[in-house]
PDB file of N, CA and C in Angstrom:
ATOM      1  N   UNK A   1      54.729  85.000  -8.863  1.00  0.00           N
ATOM      2  CA  UNK A   1      54.728  86.370  -8.882  1.00  0.00           C
ATOM      3  C   UNK A   1      55.980  87.066  -8.197  1.00  0.00           C
ATOM      4  N   UNK A   2      56.646  87.817  -9.010  1.00  0.00           N
ATOM      5  CA  UNK A   2      57.946  88.381  -8.704  1.00  0.00           C
ATOM      6  C   UNK A   2      57.551  89.615  -8.029  1.00  0.00           C
ATOM      7  N   UNK A   3      58.610  90.134  -7.084  1.00  0.00           N
ATOM      8  CA  UNK A   3      58.515  91.120  -6.364  1.00  0.00           C
ATOM      9  C   UNK A   3      58.504  92.603  -7.108  1.00  0.00           C
ATOM     10  N   UNK A   4      59.304  92.246  -8.397  1.00  0.00           N
ATOM     11  CA  UNK A   4      59.396  93.512  -9.035  1.00  0.00           C
ATOM     12  C   UNK A   4      58.113  93.896  -9.576  1.00  0.00           C
ATOM     13  N   UNK A   5      57.355  92.891  -9.927  1.00  0.00           N
ATOM     14  CA  UNK A   5      55.971  93.042 -10.603  1.00  0.00           C
ATOM     15  C   UNK A   5      55.000  93.667  -9.613  1.00  0.00           C
ATOM     16  N   UNK A   6      55.222  93.298  -8.264  1.00  0.00           N
ATOM     17  CA  UNK A   6      54.213  93.752  -7.182  1.00  0.00           C
ATOM     18  C   UNK A   6      54.733  95.342  -6.996  1.00  0.00           C
ATOM     19  N   UNK A   7      55.977  95.574  -7.119  1.00  0.00           N
ATOM     20  CA  UNK A   7      56.550  96.888  -6.883  1.00  0.00           C
ATOM     21  C   UNK A   7      55.781  97.995  -7.892  1.00  0.00           C
ATOM     22  N   UNK A   8      55.486  97.392  -9.053  1.00  0.00           N
ATOM     23  CA  UNK A   8      55.265  98.336 -10.053  1.00  0.00           C
ATOM     24  C   UNK A   8      53.725  98.549  -9.961  1.00  0.00           C
ATOM     25  N   UNK A   9      52.965  97.942  -9.246  1.00  0.00           N
ATOM     26  CA  UNK A   9      51.567  98.047  -9.002  1.00  0.00           C
ATOM     27  C   UNK A   9      51.143  99.345  -8.134  1.00  0.00           C
ATOM     28  N   UNK A  10      50.149  99.713  -8.308  1.00  0.00           N
ATOM     29  CA  UNK A  10      49.631 100.877  -7.494  1.00  0.00           C
ATOM     30  C   UNK A  10      48.972 100.237  -6.236  1.00  0.00           C
ATOM     31  N   UNK A  11      48.608 101.201  -5.248  1.00  0.00           N
ATOM     32  CA  UNK A  11      47.914 100.706  -3.870  1.00  0.00           C
ATOM     33  C   UNK A  11      46.594  99.918  -4.335  1.00  0.00           C
ATOM     34  N   UNK A  12      45.920 100.829  -5.192  1.00  0.00           N
ATOM     35  CA  UNK A  12      44.589  99.984  -5.731  1.00  0.00           C
ATOM     36  C   UNK A  12      44.658  98.568  -6.277  1.00  0.00           C
ATOM     37  N   UNK A  13      45.698  98.649  -7.117  1.00  0.00           N
ATOM     38  CA  UNK A  13      45.910  97.336  -7.684  1.00  0.00           C
ATOM     39  C   UNK A  13      46.364  96.380  -6.756  1.00  0.00           C
ATOM     40  N   UNK A  14      47.191  96.580  -5.751  1.00  0.00           N
ATOM     41  CA  UNK A  14      47.501  95.626  -4.651  1.00  0.00           C
ATOM     42  C   UNK A  14      46.513  95.264  -3.974  1.00  0.00           C
ATOM     43  N   UNK A  15      45.497  96.081  -3.571  1.00  0.00           N
ATOM     44  CA  UNK A  15      44.382  95.541  -2.899  1.00  0.00           C
ATOM     45  C   UNK A  15      43.634  94.588  -3.680  1.00  0.00           C
ATOM     46  N   UNK A  16      43.350  94.924  -4.961  1.00  0.00           N
ATOM     47  CA  UNK A  16      42.744  94.128  -5.846  1.00  0.00           C
ATOM     48  C   UNK A  16      43.310  92.598  -6.043  1.00  0.00           C
ATOM     49  N   UNK A  17      44.600  92.583  -5.938  1.00  0.00           N
ATOM     50  CA  UNK A  17      45.499  91.581  -5.961  1.00  0.00           C
ATOM     51  C   UNK A  17      45.488  90.628  -4.768  1.00  0.00           C
ATOM     52  N   UNK A  18      45.318  91.421  -3.884  1.00  0.00           N
ATOM     53  CA  UNK A  18      45.101  90.700  -2.436  1.00  0.00           C
ATOM     54  C   UNK A  18      43.906  90.020  -2.237  1.00  0.00           C
ATOM     55  N   UNK A  19      42.832  90.727  -2.847  1.00  0.00           N
ATOM     56  CA  UNK A  19      41.534  89.941  -2.972  1.00  0.00           C
ATOM     57  C   UNK A  19      41.530  88.747  -3.587  1.00  0.00           C
ATOM     58  N   UNK A  20      42.098  88.987  -4.941  1.00  0.00           N
ATOM     59  CA  UNK A  20      42.217  87.627  -5.648  1.00  0.00           C
ATOM     60  C   UNK A  20      42.928  86.428  -5.126  1.00  0.00           C
ATOM     61  N   UNK A  21      44.102  86.952  -4.445  1.00  0.00           N
ATOM     62  CA  UNK A  21      44.916  85.829  -3.915  1.00  0.00           C
ATOM     63  C   UNK A  21      44.055  85.309  -2.564  1.00  0.00           C
ATOM     64  N   UNK A  22      43.543  85.947  -1.924  1.00  0.00           N
ATOM     65  CA  UNK A  22      42.696  85.324  -0.761  1.00  0.00           C
ATOM     66  C   UNK A  22      41.735  84.430  -1.418  1.00  0.00           C
ATOM     67  N   UNK A  23      40.870  84.720  -2.436  1.00  0.00           N
ATOM     68  CA  UNK A  23      39.949  83.889  -2.891  1.00  0.00           C
ATOM     69  C   UNK A  23      40.532  82.694  -3.523  1.00  0.00           C
ATOM     70  N   UNK A  24      41.770  82.653  -4.092  1.00  0.00           N
ATOM     71  CA  UNK A  24      42.330  81.572  -4.518  1.00  0.00           C
ATOM     72  C   UNK A  24      42.733  80.713  -3.283  1.00  0.00           C
ATOM     73  N   UNK A  25      43.239  81.200  -2.309  1.00  0.00           N
ATOM     74  CA  UNK A  25      43.591  80.423  -1.188  1.00  0.00           C
ATOM     75  C   UNK A  25      42.522  79.796  -0.516  1.00  0.00           C
ATOM     76  N   UNK A  26      41.370  80.344  -0.514  1.00  0.00           N
ATOM     77  CA  UNK A  26      40.233  79.724   0.003  1.00  0.00           C
ATOM     78  C   UNK A  26      39.804  78.673  -0.799  1.00  0.00           C
ATOM     79  N   UNK A  27      39.881  78.664  -2.072  1.00  0.00           N
ATOM     80  CA  UNK A  27      39.723  77.613  -3.027  1.00  0.00           C
ATOM     81  C   UNK A  27      40.481  76.572  -2.858  1.00  0.00           C
ATOM     82  N   UNK A  28      41.713  76.892  -2.720  1.00  0.00           N
ATOM     83  CA  UNK A  28      42.797  75.840  -2.526  1.00  0.00           C
ATOM     84  C   UNK A  28      42.534  75.007  -1.147  1.00  0.00           C
ATOM     85  N   UNK A  29      42.244  75.681  -0.170  1.00  0.00           N
ATOM     86  CA  UNK A  29      41.858  75.005   1.059  1.00  0.00           C
ATOM     87  C   UNK A  29      40.773  74.034   1.001  1.00  0.00           C
ATOM     88  N   UNK A  30      39.818  74.548   0.351  1.00  0.00           N
ATOM     89  CA  UNK A  30      38.513  73.792   0.131  1.00  0.00           C
ATOM     90  C   UNK A  30      38.831  72.568  -0.778  1.00  0.00           C
ATOM     91  N   UNK A  31      39.713  72.625  -1.799  1.00  0.00           N
ATOM     92  CA  UNK A  31      40.159  71.560  -2.686  1.00  0.00           C
ATOM     93  C   UNK A  31      40.969  70.384  -1.782  1.00  0.00           C
ATOM     94  N   UNK A  32      41.758  71.093  -0.840  1.00  0.00           N
ATOM     95  CA  UNK A  32      42.540  70.156  -0.294  1.00  0.00           C
ATOM     96  C   UNK A  32      41.757  69.400   0.932  1.00  0.00           C
ATOM     97  N   UNK A  33      40.809  69.954   1.502  1.00  0.00           N
ATOM     98  CA  UNK A  33      39.877  69.311   2.434  1.00  0.00           C
ATOM     99  C   UNK A  33      39.128  68.243   1.760  1.00  0.00           C
ATOM    100  N   UNK A  34      38.787  68.535   0.418  1.00  0.00           N
ATOM    101  CA  UNK A  34      37.923  67.438  -0.089  1.00  0.00           C
ATOM    102  C   UNK A  34      38.654  66.610  -0.964  1.00  0.00           C
ATOM    103  N   UNK A  35      40.090  66.736  -0.896  1.00  0.00           N
ATOM    104  CA  UNK A  35      40.842  65.736  -1.450  1.00  0.00           C
ATOM    105  C   UNK A  35      40.867  65.832  -3.034  1.00  0.00           C
ATOM    106  N   UNK A  36      40.852  67.026  -3.641  1.00  0.00           N
ATOM    107  CA  UNK A  36      40.775  67.347  -5.017  1.00  0.00           C
ATOM    108  C   UNK A  36      41.847  68.005  -5.338  1.00  0.00           C
ATOM    109  N   UNK A  37      42.813  68.569  -4.381  1.00  0.00           N
ATOM    110  CA  UNK A  37      43.940  69.394  -4.754  1.00  0.00           C
ATOM    111  C   UNK A  37      45.124  68.341  -5.534  1.00  0.00           C
ATOM    112  N   UNK A  38      45.401  68.937  -6.569  1.00  0.00           N
ATOM    113  CA  UNK A  38      46.519  68.250  -7.401  1.00  0.00           C
ATOM    114  C   UNK A  38      47.918  68.862  -7.292  1.00  0.00           C
ATOM    115  N   UNK A  39      47.900  70.110  -7.172  1.00  0.00           N
ATOM    116  CA  UNK A  39      49.241  70.869  -7.267  1.00  0.00           C
ATOM    117  C   UNK A  39      49.284  71.507  -5.709  1.00  0.00           C
ATOM    118  N   UNK A  40      49.828  70.727  -4.815  1.00  0.00           N
ATOM    119  CA  UNK A  40      49.960  71.134  -3.576  1.00  0.00           C
ATOM    120  C   UNK A  40      50.952  72.238  -3.163  1.00  0.00           C
ATOM    121  N   UNK A  41      51.904  72.473  -3.981  1.00  0.00           N
ATOM    122  CA  UNK A  41      52.737  73.547  -3.893  1.00  0.00           C
ATOM    123  C   UNK A  41      52.029  74.972  -4.200  1.00  0.00           C
ATOM    124  N   UNK A  42      51.070  74.744  -4.852  1.00  0.00           N
ATOM    125  CA  UNK A  42      50.415  76.249  -5.123  1.00  0.00           C
ATOM    126  C   UNK A  42      49.899  76.786  -3.741  1.00  0.00           C
ATOM    127  N   UNK A  43      49.782  76.046  -2.980  1.00  0.00           N
ATOM    128  CA  UNK A  43      49.127  76.499  -1.452  1.00  0.00           C
ATOM    129  C   UNK A  43      50.253  77.343  -0.901  1.00  0.00           C
ATOM    130  N   UNK A  44      51.489  77.001  -0.904  1.00  0.00           N
ATOM    131  CA  UNK A  44      52.632  77.804  -0.417  1.00  0.00           C
ATOM    132  C   UNK A  44      52.910  79.018  -1.163  1.00  0.00           C
ATOM    133  N   UNK A  45      52.886  78.863  -2.428  1.00  0.00           N
ATOM    134  CA  UNK A  45      53.040  79.982  -3.461  1.00  0.00           C
ATOM    135  C   UNK A  45      52.158  81.060  -3.102  1.00  0.00           C
ATOM    136  N   UNK A  46      50.803  80.672  -3.004  1.00  0.00           N
ATOM    137  CA  UNK A  46      49.786  81.722  -2.837  1.00  0.00           C
ATOM    138  C   UNK A  46      50.018  82.363  -1.385  1.00  0.00           C
ATOM    139  N   UNK A  47      50.314  81.540  -0.381  1.00  0.00           N
ATOM    140  CA  UNK A  47      50.557  82.104   0.984  1.00  0.00           C
ATOM    141  C   UNK A  47      51.835  83.085   1.000  1.00  0.00           C
ATOM    142  N   UNK A  48      52.777  82.852   0.155  1.00  0.00           N
ATOM    143  CA  UNK A  48      53.831  83.792   0.283  1.00  0.00           C
ATOM    144  C   UNK A  48      53.553  85.041  -0.744  1.00  0.00           C
ATOM    145  N   UNK A  49      52.794  84.714  -1.946  1.00  0.00           N
ATOM    146  CA  UNK A  49      52.422  85.914  -2.592  1.00  0.00           C
ATOM    147  C   UNK A  49      51.647  86.829  -1.701  1.00  0.00           C
ATOM    148  N   UNK A  50      50.689  86.354  -0.931  1.00  0.00           N
ATOM    149  CA  UNK A  50      49.981  87.328  -0.101  1.00  0.00           C
ATOM    150  C   UNK A  50      50.741  87.897   0.863  1.00  0.00           C
ATOM    151  N   UNK A  51      51.601  87.432   1.450  1.00  0.00           N
ATOM    152  CA  UNK A  51      52.645  87.953   2.387  1.00  0.00           C
ATOM    153  C   UNK A  51      53.306  89.100   1.606  1.00  0.00           C
ATOM    154  N   UNK A  52      53.834  88.913   0.408  1.00  0.00           N
ATOM    155  CA  UNK A  52      54.655  89.795  -0.480  1.00  0.00           C
ATOM    156  C   UNK A  52      53.878  91.074  -0.815  1.00  0.00           C
ATOM    157  N   UNK A  53      52.422  90.754  -1.271  1.00  0.00           N
ATOM    158  CA  UNK A  53      51.460  91.819  -1.601  1.00  0.00           C
ATOM    159  C   UNK A  53      51.440  92.829  -0.288  1.00  0.00           C
ATOM    160  N   UNK A  54      50.941  92.008   0.852  1.00  0.00           N
ATOM    161  CA  UNK A  54      50.802  92.816   2.049  1.00  0.00           C
ATOM    162  C   UNK A  54      51.949  93.738   2.507  1.00  0.00           C
ATOM    163  N   UNK A  55      53.180  93.090   2.465  1.00  0.00           N
ATOM    164  CA  UNK A  55      54.498  93.851   2.768  1.00  0.00           C
ATOM    165  C   UNK A  55      54.655  95.024   1.863  1.00  0.00           C
ATOM    166  N   UNK A  56      54.498  94.772   0.558  1.00  0.00           N
ATOM    167  CA  UNK A  56      54.797  95.879  -0.252  1.00  0.00           C
ATOM    168  C   UNK A  56      53.630  97.077  -0.373  1.00  0.00           C
ATOM    169  N   UNK A  57      52.437  96.512  -0.045  1.00  0.00           N
ATOM    170  CA  UNK A  57      51.378  97.610  -0.002  1.00  0.00           C
ATOM    171  C   UNK A  57      51.639  98.377   1.293  1.00  0.00           C
ATOM    172  N   UNK A  58      52.142  97.783   2.519  1.00  0.00           N
ATOM    173  CA  UNK A  58      52.506  98.506   3.611  1.00  0.00           C
ATOM    174  C   UNK A  58      53.612  99.431   3.542  1.00  0.00           C
ATOM    175  N   UNK A  59      54.615  99.107   2.683  1.00  0.00           N
ATOM    176  CA  UNK A  59      55.711 100.029   2.379  1.00  0.00           C
ATOM    177  C   UNK A  59      55.113 101.258   1.604  1.00  0.00           C
ATOM    178  N   UNK A  60      54.353 101.022   0.730  1.00  0.00           N
ATOM    179  CA  UNK A  60      53.912 102.108  -0.161  1.00  0.00           C
ATOM    180  C   UNK A  60      52.909 103.033   0.654  1.00  0.00           C
ATOM    181  N   UNK A  61      52.196 102.419   1.380  1.00  0.00           N
ATOM    182  CA  UNK A  61      51.276 103.262   2.489  1.00  0.00           C
ATOM    183  C   UNK A  61      51.953 104.090   3.361  1.00  0.00           C
ATOM    184  N   UNK A  62      53.181 103.644   3.894  1.00  0.00           N
ATOM    185  CA  UNK A  62      53.952 104.398   4.829  1.00  0.00           C
ATOM    186  C   UNK A  62      54.913 105.382   4.121  1.00  0.00           C
ATOM    187  N   UNK A  63      55.089 105.134   2.928  1.00  0.00           N
ATOM    188  CA  UNK A  63      56.071 105.856   2.173  1.00  0.00           C
ATOM    189  C   UNK A  63      57.416 105.770   2.239  1.00  0.00           C
ATOM    190  N   UNK A  64      57.813 104.549   2.662  1.00  0.00           N
ATOM    191  CA  UNK A  64      59.209 104.213   2.803  1.00  0.00           C
ATOM    192  C   UNK A  64      59.821 103.868   1.266  1.00  0.00           C
ATOM    193  N   UNK A  65      61.084 104.521   1.087  1.00  0.00           N
ATOM    194  CA  UNK A  65      61.502 104.191  -0.409  1.00  0.00           C
ATOM    195  C   UNK A  65      62.422 103.023  -0.193  1.00  0.00           C
ATOM    196  N   UNK A  66      62.272 102.059  -1.085  1.00  0.00           N
ATOM    197  CA  UNK A  66      63.144 100.871  -0.993  1.00  0.00           C
ATOM    198  C   UNK A  66      64.297 100.953  -2.052  1.00  0.00           C
TER     199      UNK A  66
END
């Protein structure tokens, strides 16, 4: 997910995206614990996407123009 895509989202869409990413992160951790995870790099991508969504959501809520 690119930052420009996230910047284009509304606050509600960002909240929905964050929930979706958290669920995916949980599923990936579960797969990793059971030895079923094939794409290990996806864990890092999801973690960074969560951070990106949280950061941009915070910026939008505070009202800072980037």
